[in-house]
Protein backbone atom coordinates (compact mmCIF):
# COMPACT_ATOMS: atom_id res chain seq x y z
CA MET A 1 30.37 29.95 -17.25
CA LYS A 2 30.15 26.51 -19.09
CA THR A 3 28.05 23.67 -18.01
CA SER A 4 31.20 21.33 -18.71
CA ASP A 5 32.87 23.42 -15.84
CA PHE A 6 30.86 21.59 -13.51
CA TYR A 7 31.74 18.15 -14.84
CA TYR A 8 33.28 15.11 -12.71
CA ASN A 9 33.82 11.60 -13.25
CA LEU A 10 31.65 9.44 -11.64
CA PRO A 11 31.54 5.58 -11.63
CA GLU A 12 28.10 4.11 -12.15
CA GLU A 13 28.92 1.84 -9.22
CA LEU A 14 28.76 4.63 -6.74
CA ILE A 15 25.20 5.34 -7.44
CA ALA A 16 23.20 4.23 -4.46
CA GLN A 17 20.60 2.15 -5.52
CA HIS A 18 18.72 1.50 -2.18
CA PRO A 19 18.88 3.52 1.25
CA LEU A 20 20.39 2.17 4.12
CA ASP A 21 19.02 0.14 6.90
CA VAL A 22 19.57 3.14 9.42
CA ARG A 23 18.79 6.58 8.22
CA SER A 24 21.58 8.35 10.02
CA SER A 25 24.24 5.63 9.41
CA SER A 26 25.26 7.33 5.85
CA ARG A 27 28.59 8.96 5.73
CA LEU A 28 29.13 12.57 6.27
CA MET A 29 31.57 14.88 4.51
CA VAL A 30 32.14 18.13 6.13
CA LEU A 31 33.06 20.66 3.61
CA ASP A 32 34.62 24.50 5.27
CA LYS A 33 33.17 26.59 2.57
CA ASN A 34 36.11 29.26 3.09
CA ASP A 35 39.35 27.22 2.79
CA GLY A 36 37.94 23.97 1.07
CA SER A 37 39.33 21.80 4.05
CA ILE A 38 37.50 18.29 4.12
CA CYS A 39 36.78 16.00 7.23
CA HIS A 40 35.21 12.50 7.03
CA LYS A 41 32.21 11.45 9.38
CA HIS A 42 29.01 9.74 9.76
CA PHE A 43 25.79 11.85 9.62
CA ASP A 44 25.03 10.95 13.20
CA ASP A 45 28.08 13.35 13.80
CA ILE A 46 26.31 16.13 12.39
CA LYS A 47 25.39 17.20 16.17
CA LYS A 48 29.02 17.77 16.49
CA PHE A 49 28.84 20.66 14.24
CA LEU A 50 25.69 22.11 15.27
CA ILE A 51 25.55 24.78 18.13
CA PRO A 52 22.43 25.93 20.43
CA GLY A 53 20.72 28.57 18.63
CA ASP A 54 21.09 27.05 14.82
CA VAL A 55 18.14 27.01 13.05
CA LEU A 56 17.69 24.09 10.76
CA VAL A 57 15.28 24.73 7.97
CA VAL A 58 13.58 21.52 6.41
CA ASN A 59 11.07 20.95 3.68
CA ASN A 60 8.15 19.25 4.88
CA THR A 61 6.71 18.06 1.39
CA ARG A 62 5.55 14.53 1.02
CA VAL A 63 6.39 12.59 -2.08
CA ILE A 64 2.92 11.46 -3.71
CA PRO A 65 2.62 8.07 -5.71
CA ALA A 66 2.89 10.16 -8.89
CA ARG A 67 3.52 7.36 -11.62
CA LEU A 68 0.17 6.10 -12.80
CA MET A 69 0.32 2.79 -15.14
CA GLY A 70 -2.99 2.74 -16.93
CA VAL A 71 -4.23 1.97 -20.75
CA ARG A 72 -5.94 4.13 -23.41
CA SER A 73 -9.73 3.29 -22.96
CA ASP A 74 -10.42 2.80 -26.48
CA THR A 75 -7.45 0.34 -27.76
CA GLY A 76 -6.09 -0.86 -24.43
CA THR A 77 -2.49 0.28 -25.61
CA ALA A 78 -0.50 1.09 -22.06
CA VAL A 79 0.22 4.37 -21.16
CA GLU A 80 2.22 5.78 -18.25
CA ILE A 81 1.22 9.21 -16.82
CA LEU A 82 3.54 11.26 -14.08
CA LEU A 83 1.60 13.77 -12.14
CA LEU A 84 3.87 16.94 -12.24
CA LYS A 85 1.69 19.94 -10.82
CA ARG A 86 -1.94 20.04 -9.37
CA LEU A 87 -4.23 22.85 -11.11
CA SER A 88 -7.30 22.17 -9.31
CA ASP A 89 -9.13 19.36 -7.69
CA LYS A 90 -9.25 17.16 -10.62
CA ARG A 91 -7.14 18.89 -13.16
CA TRP A 92 -3.08 17.88 -13.16
CA GLU A 93 -0.06 18.97 -15.59
CA THR A 94 1.67 15.63 -16.15
CA LEU A 95 4.07 14.06 -18.38
CA ALA A 96 2.80 11.25 -20.77
CA ARG A 97 4.65 8.31 -22.31
CA PRO A 98 4.33 7.52 -24.82
CA GLY A 99 2.99 11.13 -25.54
CA LYS A 100 1.85 10.19 -29.22
CA LYS A 101 -0.62 8.06 -27.63
CA VAL A 102 -2.05 10.79 -25.48
CA ARG A 103 -3.68 13.37 -27.56
CA GLU A 104 -6.21 15.76 -26.87
CA GLY A 105 -9.71 14.02 -26.16
CA ARG A 106 -8.24 10.54 -25.42
CA LYS A 107 -9.71 8.74 -22.37
CA LEU A 108 -7.33 7.02 -20.20
CA THR A 109 -8.17 3.85 -17.53
CA PHE A 110 -6.05 3.18 -14.30
CA LEU A 111 -8.38 1.51 -11.93
CA PRO A 112 -11.45 0.26 -13.87
CA GLY A 113 -14.59 2.15 -12.78
CA GLU A 114 -12.77 4.13 -9.85
CA LEU A 115 -10.03 6.10 -11.54
CA GLU A 116 -10.15 7.27 -15.28
CA ALA A 117 -9.08 10.49 -17.06
CA THR A 118 -9.37 12.61 -20.24
CA CYS A 119 -6.61 14.60 -21.86
CA ILE A 120 -7.85 17.97 -22.03
CA ASP A 121 -4.86 19.98 -23.57
CA VAL A 122 -1.38 19.36 -25.07
CA LEU A 123 1.00 22.07 -23.92
CA GLU A 124 3.76 23.57 -25.94
CA ASP A 125 6.15 21.76 -24.09
CA GLY A 126 4.47 18.34 -24.84
CA ASN A 127 3.38 18.22 -21.27
CA ARG A 128 -0.47 17.13 -21.06
CA ILE A 129 -3.54 18.53 -18.86
CA ILE A 130 -5.50 15.51 -17.55
CA GLU A 131 -8.62 15.65 -15.80
CA PHE A 132 -9.44 12.66 -13.72
CA GLU A 133 -12.60 11.04 -12.82
CA PHE A 134 -12.71 9.08 -9.60
CA ASP A 135 -15.17 8.07 -6.69
CA GLY A 136 -13.84 8.51 -3.02
CA ILE A 137 -10.99 10.75 -1.57
CA TRP A 138 -8.17 11.23 -4.34
CA GLU A 139 -5.49 10.51 -1.85
CA GLU A 140 -6.82 7.11 -1.18
CA VAL A 141 -7.42 6.50 -4.78
CA LEU A 142 -4.01 7.74 -5.71
CA ASP A 143 -2.39 5.68 -3.09
CA ARG A 144 -4.11 2.41 -4.35
CA ALA A 145 -3.44 3.10 -8.34
CA GLY A 146 0.09 5.01 -8.11
CA THR A 147 3.79 3.89 -7.44
CA MET A 148 6.55 6.11 -6.11
CA PRO A 149 8.43 7.97 -9.30
CA LEU A 150 11.86 7.13 -8.23
CA PRO A 151 14.91 9.04 -9.98
CA PRO A 152 15.83 7.49 -13.59
CA TYR A 153 19.07 6.80 -12.10
CA ILE A 154 17.65 4.27 -9.51
CA HIS A 155 16.91 0.69 -11.33
CA GLU A 156 16.04 -1.46 -8.05
CA GLN A 157 12.73 -1.59 -6.65
CA LEU A 158 11.80 0.21 -3.56
CA GLU A 159 10.26 -2.24 -0.90
CA ASP A 160 9.37 0.32 1.66
CA ARG A 161 7.72 3.72 0.43
CA GLU A 162 8.60 5.48 3.55
CA ARG A 163 12.08 5.38 2.70
CA TYR A 164 11.41 7.98 -0.01
CA GLN A 165 9.92 10.19 2.66
CA THR A 166 11.82 12.23 5.48
CA VAL A 167 10.26 11.32 8.68
CA TYR A 168 9.15 14.97 8.79
CA SER A 169 7.21 14.97 5.64
CA LYS A 170 3.63 16.18 5.99
CA ILE A 171 2.34 18.07 2.96
CA PRO A 172 1.64 15.82 -0.13
CA GLY A 173 2.53 17.35 -3.37
CA SER A 174 6.15 16.38 -4.52
CA ALA A 175 7.25 14.00 -7.55
CA ALA A 176 10.59 13.46 -5.84
CA ALA A 177 11.79 13.67 -2.46
CA PRO A 178 13.87 16.42 -0.53
CA THR A 179 16.78 13.85 -0.27
CA ALA A 180 19.00 15.80 2.17
CA GLY A 181 16.20 15.20 4.95
CA LEU A 182 16.17 11.40 4.41
CA HIS A 183 19.38 11.18 6.73
CA PHE A 184 17.55 12.47 9.73
CA THR A 185 15.71 10.09 12.27
CA ASN A 186 13.24 11.21 14.79
CA GLU A 187 15.96 10.28 17.54
CA LEU A 188 18.59 12.64 16.06
CA LEU A 189 16.00 15.18 15.64
CA ASP A 190 15.04 14.89 19.46
CA GLU A 191 18.83 15.22 20.21
CA LEU A 192 19.18 18.18 18.48
CA ASP A 193 15.99 19.75 19.83
CA LYS A 194 17.41 19.09 23.45
CA MET A 195 20.64 20.65 22.20
CA GLY A 196 18.88 23.85 21.52
CA VAL A 197 18.87 23.66 17.78
CA ILE A 198 15.85 24.91 16.30
CA LYS A 199 13.69 23.37 13.44
CA ALA A 200 11.72 25.67 11.01
CA GLU A 201 9.59 23.85 8.23
CA VAL A 202 8.80 25.34 4.93
CA THR A 203 7.39 23.64 1.79
CA LEU A 204 8.51 23.20 -1.78
CA ASP A 205 6.71 20.78 -4.07
CA VAL A 206 9.56 18.91 -5.77
CA GLY A 207 9.12 18.54 -9.30
CA LEU A 208 10.66 16.13 -11.90
CA GLY A 209 12.40 19.22 -13.39
CA THR A 210 15.02 18.65 -10.76
CA PHE A 211 16.28 16.05 -12.76
CA ARG A 212 16.54 17.89 -16.01
CA PRO A 213 19.83 17.98 -17.52
CA VAL A 214 21.21 21.37 -18.51
CA LYS A 215 21.52 21.35 -22.15
CA SER A 216 22.90 24.59 -22.85
CA ASP A 217 26.64 25.21 -23.18
CA ASN A 218 26.34 28.58 -21.36
CA ILE A 219 24.68 28.02 -17.99
CA GLU A 220 22.98 31.52 -18.07
CA ASN A 221 20.99 30.12 -21.08
CA HIS A 222 19.16 27.19 -19.05
CA ASP A 223 15.49 27.70 -18.72
CA MET A 224 14.96 26.71 -14.89
CA HIS A 225 12.19 24.60 -13.94
CA SER A 226 9.10 26.24 -11.63
CA GLU A 227 8.21 24.71 -8.37
CA HIS A 228 5.42 26.05 -5.86
CA TYR A 229 6.80 26.90 -2.43
CA THR A 230 4.97 28.28 1.08
CA PHE A 231 6.93 30.11 3.78
CA SER A 232 4.62 30.08 6.63
CA LYS A 233 4.52 32.45 9.52
CA GLU A 234 5.91 30.18 11.78
CA ALA A 235 8.93 29.59 9.77
CA SER A 236 9.18 33.55 9.18
CA ASP A 237 9.20 34.37 12.65
CA ILE A 238 11.98 31.89 13.50
CA VAL A 239 14.38 32.95 10.65
CA LYS A 240 13.64 36.50 11.38
CA ALA A 241 14.72 36.15 15.17
CA ALA A 242 17.88 34.09 13.93
CA ARG A 243 18.82 36.83 11.31
CA LYS A 244 18.47 39.47 13.71
CA GLU A 245 20.60 37.78 16.58
CA GLY A 246 23.17 36.71 14.06
CA ARG A 247 22.45 33.13 14.49
CA ARG A 248 23.17 30.31 11.74
CA ILE A 249 20.49 29.33 9.14
CA ILE A 250 21.06 25.98 7.97
CA SER A 251 19.31 24.82 4.90
CA VAL A 252 18.48 21.31 4.86
CA GLY A 253 18.62 20.35 1.03
CA THR A 254 18.78 22.54 -2.14
CA THR A 255 14.86 22.58 -1.85
CA SER A 256 14.78 24.49 1.29
CA THR A 257 17.41 26.72 -0.22
CA ARG A 258 15.43 27.56 -3.07
CA VAL A 259 12.67 28.65 -0.72
CA LEU A 260 14.42 30.70 1.41
CA GLU A 261 16.46 32.64 -1.11
CA THR A 262 13.51 33.05 -2.99
CA VAL A 263 11.94 34.75 -0.22
CA ALA A 264 14.96 36.80 0.81
CA SER A 265 15.24 37.89 -2.96
CA LEU A 266 11.64 39.22 -3.17
CA ASP A 267 11.39 40.77 0.46
CA PRO A 268 14.43 41.37 2.69
CA GLU A 269 12.05 41.17 5.58
CA MET A 270 11.30 37.53 5.04
CA ASN A 271 7.54 38.06 5.71
CA PRO A 272 5.16 34.89 5.31
CA CYS A 273 4.31 34.12 1.54
CA SER A 274 3.92 31.52 -1.18
CA GLY A 275 4.15 31.45 -4.80
CA ASP A 276 6.16 29.60 -7.58
CA THR A 277 10.11 29.98 -7.98
CA GLN A 278 12.33 29.56 -10.88
CA ILE A 279 15.38 30.82 -8.82
CA PHE A 280 18.66 29.39 -10.43
CA ILE A 281 21.69 29.85 -8.08
CA TYR A 282 25.19 29.40 -9.55
CA PRO A 283 28.46 30.77 -8.89
CA GLY A 284 28.41 34.54 -8.56
CA TYR A 285 25.12 34.53 -6.53
CA GLU A 286 25.35 36.37 -3.60
CA PHE A 287 23.23 34.54 -0.32
CA LYS A 288 20.77 36.39 1.24
CA CYS A 289 19.61 34.11 3.86
CA ILE A 290 21.33 30.79 4.36
CA ASP A 291 24.74 30.08 5.96
CA SER A 292 25.21 26.64 5.83
CA LEU A 293 23.67 23.96 3.94
CA ILE A 294 23.13 19.97 4.54
CA THR A 295 22.84 18.40 1.17
CA ASN A 296 23.55 14.88 -0.92
CA PHE A 297 26.08 14.65 -3.66
CA HIS A 298 24.53 15.68 -7.02
CA LEU A 299 24.69 14.73 -10.79
CA PRO A 300 27.56 16.06 -12.91
CA GLU A 301 26.76 19.21 -14.65
CA SER A 302 23.51 19.71 -12.89
CA THR A 303 21.98 22.96 -11.42
CA LEU A 304 22.46 21.47 -8.09
CA VAL A 305 26.13 20.91 -8.31
CA MET A 306 25.83 24.65 -9.55
CA LEU A 307 24.00 25.62 -6.47
CA VAL A 308 26.47 24.08 -3.88
CA SER A 309 29.34 25.43 -6.04
CA ALA A 310 27.77 29.09 -5.38
CA LEU A 311 28.02 28.35 -1.77
CA ALA A 312 31.28 26.99 -1.38
CA GLY A 313 33.34 27.92 -4.41
CA LYS A 314 33.34 25.48 -7.79
CA GLU A 315 36.93 24.53 -7.11
CA ASN A 316 36.17 23.44 -3.58
CA VAL A 317 33.29 21.59 -4.40
CA LEU A 318 34.77 19.52 -7.19
CA ASN A 319 37.90 18.98 -5.47
CA ALA A 320 35.45 17.49 -2.83
CA TYR A 321 33.46 15.56 -5.10
CA ASN A 322 36.69 13.90 -6.47
CA LYS A 323 37.62 13.00 -2.90
CA ALA A 324 34.12 11.67 -2.30
CA VAL A 325 34.55 9.29 -5.39
CA GLU A 326 38.10 8.56 -4.13
CA GLU A 327 36.79 7.68 -0.62
CA ARG A 328 34.03 5.61 -2.31
CA TYR A 329 31.04 7.59 -0.94
CA ARG A 330 27.38 6.65 -2.07
CA PHE A 331 26.03 9.40 -4.30
CA PHE A 332 22.80 10.57 -5.31
CA SER A 333 19.11 10.41 -3.83
CA PHE A 334 19.68 7.48 -1.22
CA GLY A 335 23.37 8.36 -1.15
CA ASP A 336 25.68 9.77 1.45
CA ALA A 337 25.53 13.58 2.72
CA MET A 338 27.74 16.66 2.72
CA PHE A 339 27.54 19.59 5.10
CA ILE A 340 28.81 22.74 3.93
CA THR A 341 29.70 25.43 6.38
CA ASP A 342 32.01 27.89 8.20
CA LEU A 343 34.11 25.96 10.64
CA ARG A 344 35.40 29.05 12.41
CA ARG A 345 31.80 29.40 13.81
CA VAL A 346 31.85 25.86 15.42
CA PRO A 347 34.01 26.46 18.51
CA GLU A 348 34.69 22.69 19.17
CA HIS A 349 34.51 20.19 16.51
CA GLU A 350 37.07 17.05 16.19
């Protein structure tokens, strides 16, 4: 299967550069994963396609201000550090720009006297291991020193950091948001709760690898990035009960999907666990846990387009994406949403 099989033509002006004023006012394309039929709604209409007993699985990760602008302590040369993965209290695996300015032993300054660092190792892939020195609480220092690492296709400033967080974000650790969840408001979640829709929370630390392009012509040769996840006892109990009773498990986002399908692949009983996942889902994959998916519109030829194609079929998905372009949907992180499901399981919908 070729990477080019997942290409579609996207005009640049359809890439959303900012979030809408009201989260749930985004558009919603509903795609039947069986016959490929499409209907156009607004996100608040999602409740018309959910039924009591459905389980919404959300990723409760919280984006950290992972972009640090600093200087080399000896020369004053500007450097940029992107935090990728926390290794210990003070050590992080990072991406450094320009890399040639951040070699082993180099000392860096971000907030003079408050946040400084040393590069202690250069990995084979070019990432740097950075050890930080700081006074006070790390999260508070980072909040003062860092900025949100918005995706490379967003060129406008984000005025309110919270608009790149879901309303249910809790666990700091991500360099990018689980963007399918950005459409939910607390009011909408309360409505769904009163309907009998059950929310389960998992955690996956979203890394910048989610934006890494597939460079190999054959998708099976792609080296999938690794991300850390946690599947709690509470989530396990909710998912187990739903599966036993034949109720729908609806993943909010590809990150929640990666957690659920990883756990189901490792342990069909889906007991609580945590670890790192490199799961790569593309057409031919047999889903072991999720029934439906709420997601955004993803980059052409990306692993995320491949994932949704595995669930709904490549032809159905590319047809839906071409229709979204025709209908002027907003794409990517701050864009509109898609709900992929089996409409036969929704007794009443418009």
